[in-house]
Amino acid sequence: MQMQEKVMVSDTLAGINGELTRYAEMIAQSENKELKQTLKQFRNACEQSQEELYQIAREKAYYVPAQKATEEEVAHVKALFSQGTL
């Protein structure tokens, strides 16, 4: 039973992440201010659902986040962005 639940949570998170990507694309391409605002509201609700499900996955150990970046790694990435390399 636990494995099925883990798979369902993982699949749902993957689906939500896909929705968030699509909302970002639609928001960026929309010229209609009302539509853009509505899409942002949908995206925000979707982000809230993703965060809630992510917390459940962490609590049940279905998801273990990657190790945090070191200060040196963060500084390196910031330098790349400030130099316009990325």
C-alpha atoms as a PDB file:
ATOM      1  CA  MET A   1       0.000   0.000   0.000  1.00  0.00           C
ATOM      2  CA  GLN A   2       2.751   2.453   0.903  1.00  0.00           C
ATOM      3  CA  MET A   3       4.515   2.010  -2.450  1.00  0.00           C
ATOM      4  CA  GLN A   4       1.326   2.768  -4.351  1.00  0.00           C
ATOM      5  CA  GLU A   5       0.808   5.911  -2.295  1.00  0.00           C
ATOM      6  CA  LYS A   6       4.421   6.980  -2.912  1.00  0.00           C
ATOM      7  CA  VAL A   7       3.983   6.506  -6.670  1.00  0.00           C
ATOM      8  CA  MET A   8       0.714   8.452  -6.652  1.00  0.00           C
ATOM      9  CA  VAL A   9       2.296  11.343  -4.741  1.00  0.00           C
ATOM     10  CA  SER A  10       5.285  11.357  -7.093  1.00  0.00           C
ATOM     11  CA  ASP A  11       3.076  11.279 -10.185  1.00  0.00           C
ATOM     12  CA  THR A  12       0.882  14.053  -8.834  1.00  0.00           C
ATOM     13  CA  LEU A  13       3.900  16.246  -8.054  1.00  0.00           C
ATOM     14  CA  ALA A  14       5.234  15.658 -11.568  1.00  0.00           C
ATOM     15  CA  GLY A  15       1.855  16.646 -13.012  1.00  0.00           C
ATOM     16  CA  ILE A  16       1.658  19.798 -10.919  1.00  0.00           C
ATOM     17  CA  ASN A  17       5.185  20.773 -11.931  1.00  0.00           C
ATOM     18  CA  GLY A  18       4.165  20.375 -15.569  1.00  0.00           C
ATOM     19  CA  GLU A  19       1.139  22.593 -14.986  1.00  0.00           C
ATOM     20  CA  LEU A  20       3.341  25.253 -13.400  1.00  0.00           C
ATOM     21  CA  THR A  21       5.585  25.218 -16.469  1.00  0.00           C
ATOM     22  CA  ARG A  22       2.598  25.637 -18.772  1.00  0.00           C
ATOM     23  CA  TYR A  23       1.172  28.494 -16.676  1.00  0.00           C
ATOM     24  CA  ALA A  24       4.537  30.294 -16.853  1.00  0.00           C
ATOM     25  CA  GLU A  25       4.574  29.921 -20.631  1.00  0.00           C
ATOM     26  CA  MET A  26       1.005  31.157 -21.017  1.00  0.00           C
ATOM     27  CA  ILE A  27       1.539  34.117 -18.692  1.00  0.00           C
ATOM     28  CA  ALA A  28       4.644  35.200 -20.599  1.00  0.00           C
ATOM     29  CA  GLN A  29       2.843  34.988 -23.949  1.00  0.00           C
ATOM     30  CA  SER A  30      -0.435  36.655 -22.973  1.00  0.00           C
ATOM     31  CA  GLU A  31      -1.054  40.260 -23.929  1.00  0.00           C
ATOM     32  CA  ASN A  32      -4.485  40.401 -22.269  1.00  0.00           C
ATOM     33  CA  LYS A  33      -4.012  41.834 -18.767  1.00  0.00           C
ATOM     34  CA  GLU A  34      -7.147  40.193 -17.368  1.00  0.00           C
ATOM     35  CA  LEU A  35      -6.200  36.805 -18.749  1.00  0.00           C
ATOM     36  CA  LYS A  36      -2.653  37.236 -17.468  1.00  0.00           C
ATOM     37  CA  GLN A  37      -3.969  38.046 -13.964  1.00  0.00           C
ATOM     38  CA  THR A  38      -6.328  35.052 -14.006  1.00  0.00           C
ATOM     39  CA  LEU A  39      -3.496  32.754 -15.091  1.00  0.00           C
ATOM     40  CA  LYS A  40      -1.321  34.114 -12.275  1.00  0.00           C
ATOM     41  CA  GLN A  41      -4.092  33.315  -9.779  1.00  0.00           C
ATOM     42  CA  PHE A  42      -4.344  29.770 -11.142  1.00  0.00           C
ATOM     43  CA  ARG A  43      -0.557  29.438 -10.991  1.00  0.00           C
ATOM     44  CA  ASN A  44      -0.472  30.652  -7.392  1.00  0.00           C
ATOM     45  CA  ALA A  45      -3.127  28.127  -6.368  1.00  0.00           C
ATOM     46  CA  CYS A  46      -1.200  25.424  -8.197  1.00  0.00           C
ATOM     47  CA  GLU A  47       2.021  26.423  -6.396  1.00  0.00           C
ATOM     48  CA  GLN A  48       0.218  26.216  -3.063  1.00  0.00           C
ATOM     49  CA  SER A  49      -1.012  22.698  -3.882  1.00  0.00           C
ATOM     50  CA  GLN A  50       2.491  21.707  -4.954  1.00  0.00           C
ATOM     51  CA  GLU A  51       3.965  23.010  -1.692  1.00  0.00           C
ATOM     52  CA  GLU A  52       1.384  21.167   0.424  1.00  0.00           C
ATOM     53  CA  LEU A  53       1.960  17.908  -1.422  1.00  0.00           C
ATOM     54  CA  TYR A  54       5.732  18.401  -1.234  1.00  0.00           C
ATOM     55  CA  GLN A  55       5.489  18.769   2.564  1.00  0.00           C
ATOM     56  CA  ILE A  56       3.459  15.553   2.796  1.00  0.00           C
ATOM     57  CA  ALA A  57       6.040  13.762   0.645  1.00  0.00           C
ATOM     58  CA  ARG A  58       8.862  15.000   2.900  1.00  0.00           C
ATOM     59  CA  GLU A  59       7.022  13.973   6.082  1.00  0.00           C
ATOM     60  CA  LYS A  60       6.467  10.459   4.740  1.00  0.00           C
ATOM     61  CA  ALA A  61      10.044  10.258   3.397  1.00  0.00           C
ATOM     62  CA  TYR A  62       8.750   9.835  -0.155  1.00  0.00           C
ATOM     63  CA  TYR A  63      10.999  12.687  -1.203  1.00  0.00           C
ATOM     64  CA  VAL A  64      14.472  13.474   0.091  1.00  0.00           C
ATOM     65  CA  PRO A  65      15.830  16.794  -1.160  1.00  0.00           C
ATOM     66  CA  ALA A  66      19.323  17.082  -2.561  1.00  0.00           C
ATOM     67  CA  GLN A  67      22.111  18.221  -0.312  1.00  0.00           C
ATOM     68  CA  LYS A  68      22.260  22.010   0.064  1.00  0.00           C
ATOM     69  CA  ALA A  69      24.777  23.843  -2.082  1.00  0.00           C
ATOM     70  CA  THR A  70      27.925  25.108  -0.400  1.00  0.00           C
ATOM     71  CA  GLU A  71      28.578  28.835  -0.123  1.00  0.00           C
ATOM     72  CA  GLU A  72      31.283  28.438  -2.772  1.00  0.00           C
ATOM     73  CA  GLU A  73      28.843  26.788  -5.197  1.00  0.00           C
ATOM     74  CA  VAL A  74      26.281  29.538  -4.653  1.00  0.00           C
ATOM     75  CA  ALA A  75      28.929  32.226  -5.154  1.00  0.00           C
ATOM     76  CA  HIS A  76      30.068  30.547  -8.384  1.00  0.00           C
ATOM     77  CA  VAL A  77      26.553  30.504  -9.837  1.00  0.00           C
ATOM     78  CA  LYS A  78      25.943  34.108  -8.799  1.00  0.00           C
ATOM     79  CA  ALA A  79      29.181  35.091 -10.537  1.00  0.00           C
ATOM     80  CA  LEU A  80      28.089  33.328 -13.720  1.00  0.00           C
ATOM     81  CA  PHE A  81      24.804  35.237 -13.746  1.00  0.00           C
ATOM     82  CA  SER A  82      26.416  38.586 -12.966  1.00  0.00           C
ATOM     83  CA  GLN A  83      28.932  38.070 -15.797  1.00  0.00           C
ATOM     84  CA  GLY A  84      26.152  37.239 -18.220  1.00  0.00           C
ATOM     85  CA  THR A  85      27.596  33.783 -18.851  1.00  0.00           C
ATOM     86  CA  LEU A  86      24.226  32.096 -18.396  1.00  0.00           C
END
